[in-house]
Protein backbone atom coordinates (compact mmCIF):
# COMPACT_ATOMS: atom_id res chain seq x y z
CA UNK A 1 83.52 15.75 -61.02
CA UNK A 2 82.13 15.73 -57.50
CA UNK A 3 79.84 12.85 -58.39
CA UNK A 4 82.77 10.72 -59.53
CA UNK A 5 84.65 11.24 -56.27
CA UNK A 6 81.53 10.46 -54.25
CA UNK A 7 80.84 7.22 -56.13
CA UNK A 8 84.44 6.14 -55.82
CA UNK A 9 84.51 6.77 -52.08
CA UNK A 10 81.28 4.84 -51.60
CA UNK A 11 82.87 1.91 -53.42
CA UNK A 12 85.65 1.72 -50.79
CA UNK A 13 83.18 0.67 -48.04
CA UNK A 14 80.77 -1.78 -49.61
CA UNK A 15 78.00 -2.60 -47.17
CA UNK A 16 76.86 -6.18 -46.39
CA UNK A 17 73.51 -5.14 -45.04
CA UNK A 18 70.61 -6.55 -46.98
CA UNK A 19 68.68 -3.29 -47.23
CA UNK A 20 71.66 -1.47 -48.71
CA UNK A 21 72.13 -4.22 -51.25
CA UNK A 22 68.50 -3.77 -52.21
CA UNK A 23 69.01 -0.06 -52.78
CA UNK A 24 72.13 -0.71 -54.82
CA UNK A 25 70.17 -2.89 -57.20
CA UNK A 26 67.70 -0.08 -57.89
CA UNK A 27 70.46 2.44 -58.68
CA UNK A 28 72.57 2.10 -61.76
CA UNK A 29 76.13 2.20 -60.46
CA UNK A 30 78.29 4.65 -62.48
CA UNK A 31 81.55 2.83 -61.61
CA UNK A 32 83.87 1.30 -64.13
CA UNK A 33 84.00 -2.27 -65.36
CA UNK A 34 85.05 -5.31 -63.44
CA UNK A 35 88.67 -4.65 -64.17
CA UNK A 36 88.49 -1.11 -62.78
CA UNK A 37 86.39 -1.41 -59.58
CA UNK A 38 87.04 -2.67 -56.08
CA UNK A 39 85.65 -5.97 -54.78
CA UNK A 40 81.91 -5.87 -54.15
CA UNK A 41 81.81 -8.30 -51.14
CA UNK A 42 83.72 -8.37 -47.86
CA UNK A 43 86.00 -11.25 -46.98
CA UNK A 44 84.52 -14.18 -45.02
CA UNK A 45 86.98 -13.57 -42.21
CA UNK A 46 85.21 -10.29 -41.37
CA UNK A 47 81.95 -10.17 -39.50
CA UNK A 48 78.82 -8.52 -40.77
CA UNK A 49 79.30 -4.78 -41.07
CA UNK A 50 83.10 -4.89 -40.68
CA UNK A 51 85.53 -3.15 -43.06
CA UNK A 52 87.96 -4.90 -45.34
CA UNK A 53 90.76 -2.63 -46.56
CA UNK A 54 92.42 -5.39 -48.55
CA UNK A 55 91.62 -6.16 -52.12
CA UNK A 56 90.82 -9.51 -53.67
CA UNK A 57 92.79 -10.47 -56.74
CA UNK A 58 90.59 -11.48 -59.63
CA UNK A 59 91.60 -13.22 -62.81
CA UNK A 60 90.22 -10.42 -64.97
CA UNK A 61 91.64 -7.48 -63.00
CA UNK A 62 93.82 -5.16 -65.09
CA UNK A 63 97.56 -5.41 -64.66
CA UNK A 64 97.72 -1.84 -63.32
CA UNK A 65 95.68 -2.80 -60.25
CA UNK A 66 94.25 -0.36 -57.72
CA UNK A 67 96.20 2.40 -56.01
CA UNK A 68 95.42 5.21 -53.61
CA UNK A 69 96.07 7.63 -56.46
CA UNK A 70 93.11 6.21 -58.39
CA UNK A 71 90.82 7.27 -55.55
CA UNK A 72 92.37 10.73 -55.01
CA UNK A 73 92.32 11.87 -58.66
CA UNK A 74 89.02 13.24 -59.92
CA UNK A 75 87.36 11.17 -62.60
CA UNK A 76 85.56 12.77 -65.46
CA UNK A 77 81.79 12.38 -65.10
CA UNK A 78 81.34 11.36 -68.71
CA UNK A 79 84.01 8.67 -68.40
CA UNK A 80 82.31 7.30 -65.31
CA UNK A 81 78.97 7.19 -67.09
CA UNK A 82 80.60 5.44 -70.04
CA UNK A 83 82.14 2.83 -67.85
CA UNK A 84 78.82 2.38 -66.05
CA UNK A 85 77.31 1.10 -69.27
CA UNK A 86 79.74 -1.82 -69.13
CA UNK A 87 77.98 -3.09 -65.99
CA UNK A 88 75.51 -5.69 -67.26
CA UNK A 89 72.80 -7.84 -65.82
CA UNK A 90 75.04 -10.87 -66.35
CA UNK A 91 77.58 -9.39 -63.93
CA UNK A 92 74.95 -9.08 -61.23
CA UNK A 93 73.84 -12.66 -61.86
CA UNK A 94 77.43 -13.82 -61.46
CA UNK A 95 77.55 -11.88 -58.20
CA UNK A 96 74.40 -13.70 -57.04
CA UNK A 97 75.87 -17.08 -57.93
CA UNK A 98 79.01 -16.31 -55.92
CA UNK A 99 76.83 -15.27 -53.00
CA UNK A 100 74.82 -18.52 -53.18
CA UNK A 101 78.00 -20.55 -53.37
CA UNK A 102 79.31 -18.77 -50.30
CA UNK A 103 76.11 -19.59 -48.43
CA UNK A 104 76.39 -23.25 -49.42
CA UNK A 105 79.90 -23.34 -48.02
CA UNK A 106 78.66 -22.02 -44.70
CA UNK A 107 79.63 -24.54 -42.02
CA UNK A 108 77.25 -25.55 -39.21
CA UNK A 109 77.47 -28.11 -36.42
CA UNK A 110 73.95 -29.27 -37.30
CA UNK A 111 75.18 -30.93 -40.46
CA UNK A 112 76.44 -34.56 -40.21
CA UNK A 113 80.13 -34.95 -40.89
CA UNK A 114 81.73 -38.16 -42.07
CA UNK A 115 80.25 -41.67 -41.83
CA UNK A 116 77.63 -42.71 -39.30
CA UNK A 117 79.06 -43.13 -35.79
CA UNK A 118 77.54 -46.58 -35.46
CA UNK A 119 79.17 -47.70 -38.71
CA UNK A 120 82.53 -46.44 -37.51
CA UNK A 121 82.06 -48.37 -34.27
CA UNK A 122 81.15 -51.53 -36.18
CA UNK A 123 84.22 -51.25 -38.39
CA UNK A 124 86.39 -50.71 -35.36
CA UNK A 125 84.92 -53.79 -33.63
CA UNK A 126 85.46 -55.88 -36.75
CA UNK A 127 89.05 -54.72 -36.99
CA UNK A 128 89.68 -55.63 -33.36
CA UNK A 129 88.14 -59.06 -33.88
CA UNK A 130 90.28 -59.75 -36.94
CA UNK A 131 93.44 -58.68 -35.13
CA UNK A 132 92.52 -60.83 -32.13
CA UNK A 133 92.02 -63.82 -34.41
CA UNK A 134 95.55 -63.29 -35.73
CA UNK A 135 96.94 -63.20 -32.21
CA UNK A 136 95.13 -66.37 -31.12
CA UNK A 137 95.70 -68.03 -34.51
CA UNK A 138 92.09 -68.78 -35.38
CA UNK A 139 90.06 -68.11 -38.51
CA UNK A 140 87.65 -65.15 -38.12
CA UNK A 141 83.99 -66.08 -38.22
CA UNK A 142 82.07 -64.33 -40.98
CA UNK A 143 78.92 -64.70 -38.88
CA UNK A 144 80.55 -62.71 -36.09
CA UNK A 145 81.73 -60.00 -38.48
CA UNK A 146 78.22 -59.61 -39.90
CA UNK A 147 76.45 -59.43 -36.56
CA UNK A 148 78.67 -57.40 -34.25
CA UNK A 149 76.32 -54.44 -34.70
CA UNK A 150 73.12 -56.37 -33.90
CA UNK A 151 71.44 -56.58 -30.50
CA UNK A 152 71.69 -60.38 -30.48
CA UNK A 153 74.63 -62.60 -31.40
CA UNK A 154 73.79 -66.31 -31.75
CA UNK A 155 76.77 -68.64 -32.10
CA UNK A 156 75.33 -72.01 -31.09
CA UNK A 157 77.28 -75.06 -32.35
CA UNK A 158 79.96 -72.94 -34.05
CA UNK A 159 82.91 -74.83 -32.59
CA UNK A 160 84.69 -71.74 -31.33
CA UNK A 161 86.81 -73.59 -28.82
CA UNK A 162 88.97 -71.92 -26.21
CA UNK A 163 91.05 -69.83 -28.62
CA UNK A 164 88.10 -68.72 -30.70
CA UNK A 165 86.29 -67.62 -27.56
CA UNK A 166 89.28 -65.59 -26.43
CA UNK A 167 89.35 -63.82 -29.81
CA UNK A 168 85.62 -63.12 -29.64
CA UNK A 169 85.92 -61.66 -26.15
CA UNK A 170 88.26 -58.89 -27.37
CA UNK A 171 85.73 -56.84 -29.41
CA UNK A 172 82.93 -57.65 -26.96
CA UNK A 173 84.74 -55.83 -24.16
CA UNK A 174 83.82 -52.45 -25.68
CA UNK A 175 80.76 -53.51 -27.69
CA UNK A 176 77.67 -51.44 -26.88
CA UNK A 177 75.05 -52.97 -29.19
CA UNK A 178 74.89 -56.67 -28.32
CA UNK A 179 72.42 -57.32 -25.50
CA UNK A 180 71.98 -61.08 -25.86
CA UNK A 181 74.86 -63.52 -26.44
CA UNK A 182 74.35 -67.23 -27.14
CA UNK A 183 77.49 -69.41 -27.02
CA UNK A 184 75.78 -72.74 -26.41
CA UNK A 185 77.78 -75.86 -27.34
CA UNK A 186 81.10 -74.34 -28.40
CA UNK A 187 83.51 -76.39 -26.25
CA UNK A 188 84.70 -73.34 -24.32
CA UNK A 189 86.04 -75.35 -21.38
CA UNK A 190 87.48 -73.63 -18.33
CA UNK A 191 89.78 -71.17 -20.11
CA UNK A 192 87.05 -70.08 -22.48
CA UNK A 193 84.77 -69.50 -19.52
CA UNK A 194 87.46 -67.38 -17.90
CA UNK A 195 87.73 -65.25 -21.06
CA UNK A 196 83.98 -64.68 -21.15
CA UNK A 197 83.92 -63.84 -17.45
CA UNK A 198 86.69 -61.27 -17.80
CA UNK A 199 84.84 -59.72 -20.74
CA UNK A 200 81.62 -59.45 -18.71
CA UNK A 201 83.47 -57.61 -15.96
CA UNK A 202 84.02 -54.76 -18.44
CA UNK A 203 80.95 -55.02 -20.67
CA UNK A 204 77.92 -53.34 -19.13
CA UNK A 205 75.44 -53.91 -21.96
CA UNK A 206 74.98 -57.68 -22.25
CA UNK A 207 71.95 -58.73 -20.18
CA UNK A 208 71.44 -62.32 -21.36
CA UNK A 209 74.12 -64.95 -21.97
CA UNK A 210 73.85 -68.67 -22.71
CA UNK A 211 76.94 -70.76 -21.91
CA UNK A 212 75.20 -74.13 -21.84
CA UNK A 213 76.99 -77.35 -22.85
CA UNK A 214 80.52 -75.97 -22.83
CA UNK A 215 82.32 -78.14 -20.24
CA UNK A 216 83.17 -75.11 -18.11
CA UNK A 217 83.90 -77.15 -15.01
CA UNK A 218 84.99 -75.73 -11.68
CA UNK A 219 87.48 -73.22 -13.13
CA UNK A 220 84.88 -71.72 -15.43
CA UNK A 221 82.28 -71.60 -12.66
CA UNK A 222 84.76 -69.91 -10.34
CA UNK A 223 85.55 -67.21 -12.91
CA UNK A 224 81.86 -66.59 -13.62
CA UNK A 225 81.10 -66.40 -9.91
CA UNK A 226 83.79 -63.76 -9.51
CA UNK A 227 82.25 -61.86 -12.41
CA UNK A 228 78.79 -61.94 -10.80
CA UNK A 229 80.22 -60.18 -7.76
CA UNK A 230 81.07 -57.18 -9.97
CA UNK A 231 78.61 -57.23 -12.88
CA UNK A 232 75.34 -55.41 -12.24
CA UNK A 233 73.71 -55.59 -15.68
CA UNK A 234 73.50 -59.33 -16.40
CA UNK A 235 69.94 -60.58 -15.87
CA UNK A 236 69.98 -64.10 -17.32
CA UNK A 237 72.74 -66.72 -17.09
CA UNK A 238 72.42 -70.25 -18.49
CA UNK A 239 75.00 -72.80 -17.34
CA UNK A 240 73.23 -76.11 -17.98
CA UNK A 241 75.24 -79.11 -19.14
CA UNK A 242 78.66 -77.89 -17.96
CA UNK A 243 79.73 -80.77 -15.68
CA UNK A 244 79.37 -78.56 -12.61
CA UNK A 245 79.90 -80.42 -9.33
CA UNK A 246 79.57 -79.60 -5.64
CA UNK A 247 82.91 -77.74 -5.77
CA UNK A 248 81.60 -75.45 -8.48
CA UNK A 249 78.38 -74.97 -6.52
CA UNK A 250 80.31 -73.47 -3.60
CA UNK A 251 81.61 -70.68 -5.84
CA UNK A 252 78.20 -70.12 -7.42
CA UNK A 253 76.45 -70.03 -4.05
CA UNK A 254 78.55 -67.07 -2.97
CA UNK A 255 77.58 -65.18 -6.13
CA UNK A 256 73.89 -66.05 -5.72
CA UNK A 257 73.82 -64.78 -2.15
CA UNK A 258 75.49 -61.44 -3.00
CA UNK A 259 74.34 -60.61 -6.53
CA UNK A 260 70.92 -58.96 -6.34
CA UNK A 261 70.59 -58.12 -10.05
CA UNK A 262 70.59 -61.57 -11.67
CA UNK A 263 66.98 -62.60 -12.30
CA UNK A 264 67.33 -66.01 -13.95
CA UNK A 265 69.90 -68.77 -13.36
CA UNK A 266 69.92 -72.13 -15.15
CA UNK A 267 72.05 -74.87 -13.55
CA UNK A 268 70.20 -77.82 -15.03
CA UNK A 269 71.80 -81.01 -16.40
CA UNK A 270 74.87 -80.84 -14.17
CA UNK A 271 76.31 -82.99 -11.38
CA UNK A 272 75.17 -81.00 -8.38
CA UNK A 273 74.69 -83.23 -5.35
CA UNK A 274 73.75 -83.08 -1.71
CA UNK A 275 76.39 -80.52 -0.76
CA UNK A 276 75.36 -78.31 -3.65
CA UNK A 277 71.78 -78.39 -2.40
CA UNK A 278 72.89 -77.29 1.05
CA UNK A 279 75.01 -74.33 -0.06
CA UNK A 280 72.55 -73.22 -2.72
CA UNK A 281 69.69 -73.46 -0.22
CA UNK A 282 71.45 -71.02 2.08
CA UNK A 283 72.19 -68.73 -0.88
CA UNK A 284 68.54 -68.73 -2.01
CA UNK A 285 67.45 -67.72 1.47
CA UNK A 286 69.68 -64.63 1.29
CA UNK A 287 69.03 -63.72 -2.34
CA UNK A 288 66.78 -60.74 -2.96
CA UNK A 289 66.47 -60.49 -6.71
CA UNK A 290 66.32 -63.84 -8.48
CA UNK A 291 62.99 -64.73 -10.06
CA UNK A 292 63.75 -68.02 -11.80
CA UNK A 293 66.03 -70.92 -10.78
CA UNK A 294 66.49 -74.15 -12.72
CA UNK A 295 68.14 -77.09 -10.93
CA UNK A 296 66.57 -79.86 -13.01
CA UNK A 297 68.43 -83.05 -13.88
CA UNK A 298 70.93 -83.00 -11.02
CA UNK A 299 71.62 -85.28 -8.07
CA UNK A 300 70.16 -83.21 -5.24
CA UNK A 301 68.69 -85.43 -2.52
CA UNK A 302 68.55 -85.95 1.23
CA UNK A 303 69.87 -83.02 3.25
CA UNK A 304 70.45 -81.03 0.08
CA UNK A 305 66.79 -81.31 -0.92
CA UNK A 306 65.61 -80.27 2.53
CA UNK A 307 68.02 -77.30 2.55
CA UNK A 308 66.71 -76.10 -0.81
CA UNK A 309 63.15 -76.27 0.47
CA UNK A 310 64.10 -74.24 3.54
CA UNK A 311 65.75 -71.66 1.30
CA UNK A 312 62.54 -71.44 -0.72
CA UNK A 313 60.60 -70.88 2.47
CA UNK A 314 62.73 -67.85 3.39
CA UNK A 315 62.91 -66.40 -0.12
CA UNK A 316 60.40 -63.69 -1.03
CA UNK A 317 61.37 -63.03 -4.66
CA UNK A 318 61.57 -66.38 -6.46
CA UNK A 319 58.67 -66.95 -8.85
CA UNK A 320 59.73 -70.08 -10.73
CA UNK A 321 61.61 -73.11 -9.37
CA UNK A 322 62.46 -76.25 -11.34
CA UNK A 323 63.65 -79.20 -9.23
CA UNK A 324 62.56 -81.93 -11.62
CA UNK A 325 64.61 -85.11 -12.02
CA UNK A 326 66.34 -84.93 -8.65
CA UNK A 327 65.75 -86.96 -5.47
CA UNK A 328 63.46 -85.08 -3.10
CA UNK A 329 61.80 -88.25 -1.89
CA UNK A 330 59.60 -88.14 1.21
CA UNK A 331 61.63 -85.74 3.36
CA UNK A 332 62.20 -83.29 0.54
CA UNK A 333 58.50 -83.30 -0.38
CA UNK A 334 57.52 -82.62 3.22
CA UNK A 335 59.97 -79.69 3.36
CA UNK A 336 58.56 -78.29 0.12
CA UNK A 337 55.04 -78.49 1.56
CA UNK A 338 56.14 -76.51 4.60
CA UNK A 339 57.75 -73.92 2.35
CA UNK A 340 54.53 -73.51 0.35
CA UNK A 341 52.64 -72.71 3.55
CA UNK A 342 54.73 -69.58 4.14
CA UNK A 343 55.87 -68.59 0.66
CA UNK A 344 53.67 -66.04 -1.09
CA UNK A 345 55.66 -65.27 -4.25
CA UNK A 346 56.28 -68.63 -5.99
CA UNK A 347 54.06 -69.11 -9.05
CA UNK A 348 55.54 -72.15 -10.82
CA UNK A 349 56.94 -75.32 -9.22
CA UNK A 350 58.23 -78.38 -11.05
CA UNK A 351 59.09 -81.41 -8.89
CA UNK A 352 58.50 -84.09 -11.52
CA UNK A 353 60.33 -87.42 -11.21
CA UNK A 354 61.63 -86.97 -7.65
CA UNK A 355 60.71 -90.35 -6.17
CA UNK A 356 57.95 -88.77 -4.07
CA UNK A 357 55.84 -91.49 -2.37
CA UNK A 358 52.11 -91.17 -1.48
CA UNK A 359 52.84 -89.95 2.06
CA UNK A 360 55.22 -87.30 0.78
CA UNK A 361 52.63 -86.11 -1.75
CA UNK A 362 49.92 -85.83 0.90
CA UNK A 363 52.21 -83.85 3.22
CA UNK A 364 53.19 -81.57 0.35
CA UNK A 365 49.50 -81.06 -0.41
CA UNK A 366 49.08 -79.45 3.01
CA UNK A 367 51.03 -76.49 1.71
CA UNK A 368 48.83 -76.23 -1.38
CA UNK A 369 45.83 -76.08 0.92
CA UNK A 370 46.78 -72.58 2.11
CA UNK A 371 48.99 -71.22 -0.66
CA UNK A 372 47.47 -68.32 -2.62
CA UNK A 373 50.01 -67.57 -5.34
CA UNK A 374 51.16 -70.76 -7.04
CA UNK A 375 49.62 -71.22 -10.50
CA UNK A 376 51.48 -74.18 -12.01
CA UNK A 377 52.28 -77.43 -10.15
CA UNK A 378 54.09 -80.20 -12.02
CA UNK A 379 54.45 -83.55 -10.21
CA UNK A 380 54.52 -86.04 -13.07
CA UNK A 381 56.34 -89.39 -12.97
CA UNK A 382 56.38 -89.74 -9.19
CA UNK A 383 55.40 -93.02 -7.46
CA UNK A 384 52.68 -91.24 -5.50
CA UNK A 385 49.91 -93.48 -6.83
CA UNK A 386 46.28 -92.48 -7.14
CA UNK A 387 45.94 -91.77 -3.43
CA UNK A 388 48.70 -89.21 -3.56
CA UNK A 389 47.15 -87.54 -6.61
CA UNK A 390 43.79 -87.51 -4.85
CA UNK A 391 45.27 -85.80 -1.79
CA UNK A 392 46.90 -83.08 -3.90
CA UNK A 393 43.74 -82.35 -5.88
CA UNK A 394 41.58 -82.37 -2.75
CA UNK A 395 43.82 -79.79 -1.07
CA UNK A 396 43.51 -77.51 -4.08
CA UNK A 397 39.73 -77.91 -4.04
CA UNK A 398 39.46 -77.00 -0.37
CA UNK A 399 41.51 -73.82 -0.85
CA UNK A 400 39.04 -71.12 -1.83
CA UNK A 401 41.90 -68.72 -2.56
CA UNK A 402 43.85 -71.19 -4.68
CA UNK A 403 45.45 -69.76 -7.82
CA UNK A 404 46.32 -73.14 -9.38
CA UNK A 405 45.59 -73.18 -13.12
CA UNK A 406 47.57 -76.22 -14.21
CA UNK A 407 48.24 -79.47 -12.33
CA UNK A 408 50.45 -82.00 -14.11
CA UNK A 409 50.25 -85.58 -12.83
CA UNK A 410 51.31 -87.22 -16.09
CA UNK A 411 52.30 -90.89 -16.11
CA UNK A 412 50.68 -91.53 -12.73
CA UNK A 413 47.74 -93.97 -12.95
CA UNK A 414 44.56 -92.81 -11.16
CA UNK A 415 41.26 -94.44 -10.24
CA UNK A 416 37.58 -93.55 -10.59
CA UNK A 417 37.52 -91.63 -7.29
CA UNK A 418 40.18 -89.27 -8.56
CA UNK A 419 38.32 -88.77 -11.82
CA UNK A 420 35.08 -87.94 -10.02
CA UNK A 421 36.91 -85.48 -7.78
CA UNK A 422 38.45 -83.89 -10.84
CA UNK A 423 34.97 -83.21 -12.20
CA UNK A 424 33.90 -81.59 -8.91
CA UNK A 425 36.96 -79.34 -8.80
CA UNK A 426 35.68 -77.68 -11.95
CA UNK A 427 32.82 -76.24 -9.93
CA UNK A 428 35.26 -74.47 -7.61
CA UNK A 429 38.03 -73.68 -10.11
CA UNK A 430 36.46 -73.55 -13.59
CA UNK A 431 39.76 -72.61 -15.30
CA UNK A 432 41.92 -75.36 -13.85
CA UNK A 433 43.50 -77.93 -16.15
CA UNK A 434 44.49 -81.31 -14.72
CA UNK A 435 46.65 -83.79 -16.60
CA UNK A 436 46.99 -87.37 -15.29
CA UNK A 437 47.88 -90.92 -16.27
CA UNK A 438 45.59 -93.71 -17.39
CA UNK A 439 42.44 -94.49 -15.42
CA UNK A 440 42.37 -97.86 -13.66
CA UNK A 441 39.19 -99.98 -13.89
CA UNK A 442 37.32 -97.29 -15.79
CA UNK A 443 37.33 -98.43 -19.40
CA UNK A 444 33.76 -97.56 -20.37
CA UNK A 445 34.76 -94.14 -21.66
CA UNK A 446 37.68 -91.77 -21.57
CA UNK A 447 37.48 -88.43 -19.77
CA UNK A 448 36.41 -85.54 -21.92
CA UNK A 449 39.05 -82.86 -21.42
CA UNK A 450 36.91 -80.23 -23.08
CA UNK A 451 34.06 -80.92 -20.67
CA UNK A 452 35.58 -81.22 -17.23
CA UNK A 453 39.09 -79.88 -17.58
CA UNK A 454 40.72 -83.28 -16.88
CA UNK A 455 42.76 -85.16 -19.45
CA UNK A 456 44.77 -88.35 -19.41
CA UNK A 457 47.91 -89.27 -21.27
CA UNK A 458 47.28 -92.98 -21.61
């Protein structure tokens, strides 16, 4: 009788310690069946080693239930032993399965919950884009919906228009994946440019944007200039073919002088004139971050050309400058030569088709005679004649520290003296490549480009 009371009392405080469970498995428990014994595991709400005085209702528990009287009354030892035989190995296996299930339900913050965060973000961006399209009454672009999660979004020639651009700007405000955005030739016009500029004031992830051929005009340039005063992440901005005039250049010049993060600016194929050259020249002199500037195919001449050259002279960061298809002429070429004497950072210079005469070419060559950093010089399609080409090549030859690797004099006829000099330059600069026009009065054989580094295009 004492044994029965002892077993019953031990059943009131089931232990959750692993070593006690191990001992329990080695001892045949003399308690009754499932319907006549207390729960064998503590509730989840209690910590390890705590006591649970409440009972768990089971589907197979007898209708009489458990009472305090059951524990106080002595139980006959034989009856306890008889009930103990009801305990089977299957019951213990069921207990193990319940324990395993409880462990599987154990919650941890290391386990992923719900869909991937990036997927949720993409769906949210798509939803915002679709709603914006409804507001601006445009048809959503399936290409946009498919690529909002990519690092690059290319929408060249998609015909977005002003309204489509406004709708696109909405999800891009909070987009964190797109780093490069190409909106070339989408007829954005001024209002579309304003929408993109406002978006870039908030977006701090896009580093490269192409807005070429969109007719942005002065209003678009003004908005983008205002954006450049605030944005510190944009590195490359392409604005070629946007009908930008001297008025637009005044806004852009302010941004160029103050923004020190932008590394590449393309203003080619616009209508920038003399005034634009003056204001941009002053801005270049103050800029301390830009590495590449493209002003090709504009109308910069006279005072504007000279001002740009002076800005180049003061700049110590610019590495690539494209002034091709403008109007430097003699004065501009002389100013560029003076800039090359002092500049020690420029590596690539393109002044092709700038109406540079022989005298201007020779004066420009004086800068090449002392410059130690420039690697690429492009002067094709200038009326500098063979004498001008000779002067440029001779200056490079006399500069023992010259870094010139490529000299482009395409479409400029040269004579035998130039060709002979070209062969001699190979002795001083074995890696230099010189490209020139047809050779006058030297029809016996054509220059062998693989032998002496000179080649003609005629």
